[in-house]
Protein backbone atom coordinates (compact mmCIF):
# COMPACT_ATOMS: atom_id res chain seq x y z
CA MET A 1 -117.56 -76.96 -32.35
CA LYS A 2 -118.92 -73.67 -31.09
CA THR A 3 -121.29 -71.65 -33.29
CA ILE A 4 -121.09 -67.86 -33.17
CA THR A 5 -124.22 -66.05 -34.36
CA ILE A 6 -123.80 -62.77 -36.23
CA THR A 7 -126.29 -60.21 -37.53
CA THR A 8 -123.99 -58.70 -40.17
CA GLU A 9 -122.69 -60.03 -43.50
CA TYR A 10 -119.37 -61.07 -41.94
CA ILE A 11 -117.16 -60.69 -38.86
CA LYS A 12 -113.44 -59.92 -38.99
CA LEU A 13 -111.20 -62.70 -37.72
CA GLN A 14 -109.73 -60.64 -34.88
CA ASP A 15 -113.22 -59.61 -33.76
CA LEU A 16 -114.41 -63.21 -33.84
CA LEU A 17 -111.63 -64.29 -31.48
CA LYS A 18 -112.53 -61.49 -29.07
CA PHE A 19 -116.29 -62.11 -29.36
CA ALA A 20 -115.79 -65.83 -28.63
CA ASN A 21 -113.69 -64.93 -25.55
CA LEU A 22 -110.63 -66.76 -26.88
CA VAL A 23 -108.46 -63.66 -26.40
CA GLU A 24 -108.86 -60.72 -24.05
CA THR A 25 -107.78 -57.86 -26.30
CA GLY A 26 -107.40 -56.90 -29.93
CA GLY A 27 -103.64 -56.78 -29.40
CA MET A 28 -103.61 -60.40 -28.27
CA ALA A 29 -105.74 -61.36 -31.28
CA LYS A 30 -103.30 -59.56 -33.60
CA GLU A 31 -100.29 -61.39 -32.13
CA CYS A 32 -101.95 -64.80 -32.32
CA ILE A 33 -103.16 -64.31 -35.88
CA GLN A 34 -99.94 -62.83 -37.24
CA GLY A 35 -97.96 -65.53 -35.40
CA GLY A 36 -99.72 -68.21 -37.45
CA ALA A 37 -101.69 -69.74 -34.55
CA VAL A 38 -105.09 -69.48 -36.28
CA THR A 39 -106.45 -71.51 -39.18
CA VAL A 40 -109.44 -70.62 -41.35
CA ASN A 41 -110.98 -73.47 -43.32
CA GLY A 42 -107.93 -75.63 -42.64
CA GLU A 43 -105.30 -73.10 -43.76
CA ILE A 44 -103.13 -70.86 -41.59
CA CYS A 45 -104.40 -67.29 -41.82
CA THR A 46 -102.25 -64.29 -40.86
CA MET A 47 -104.74 -61.61 -41.94
CA ARG A 48 -106.47 -60.27 -38.84
CA GLY A 49 -109.06 -58.47 -40.97
CA LYS A 50 -110.03 -61.67 -42.83
CA LYS A 51 -113.79 -61.68 -43.37
CA ILE A 52 -115.35 -64.72 -41.73
CA ARG A 53 -118.73 -65.63 -43.18
CA PRO A 54 -121.24 -68.37 -42.33
CA GLY A 55 -119.82 -71.73 -43.34
CA ASP A 56 -116.23 -70.79 -42.50
CA THR A 57 -114.45 -72.74 -39.77
CA VAL A 58 -111.85 -71.17 -37.49
CA LEU A 59 -109.49 -73.19 -35.28
CA PHE A 60 -107.50 -71.59 -32.46
CA GLU A 61 -105.86 -73.35 -29.49
CA GLY A 62 -107.99 -76.47 -29.97
CA GLU A 63 -111.25 -74.48 -30.08
CA GLU A 64 -113.20 -74.82 -33.32
CA LEU A 65 -115.62 -72.03 -34.25
CA THR A 66 -118.14 -71.63 -37.01
CA VAL A 67 -120.31 -68.63 -37.87
CA ALA A 68 -124.06 -68.56 -38.56
CA TYR A 69 -126.52 -65.80 -39.33
CA ALA A 70 -129.14 -64.95 -36.72
CA ASP A 71 -132.60 -66.11 -37.77
């Protein structure tokens, strides 16, 4: 599991995929999310603007991500 550190209250799902270098562009993120290839907390999520907060788990192409606040 890879932990992504954020300094804001949340990060949008499409931005998380880009920030974690799992997709190259926002367009690719949109296609993957709307195509049902991403799960959030074990459930398929098709909302690219889904707010991901610390404690949430995102799975995409075998890569598991979690979010934490910066200290």
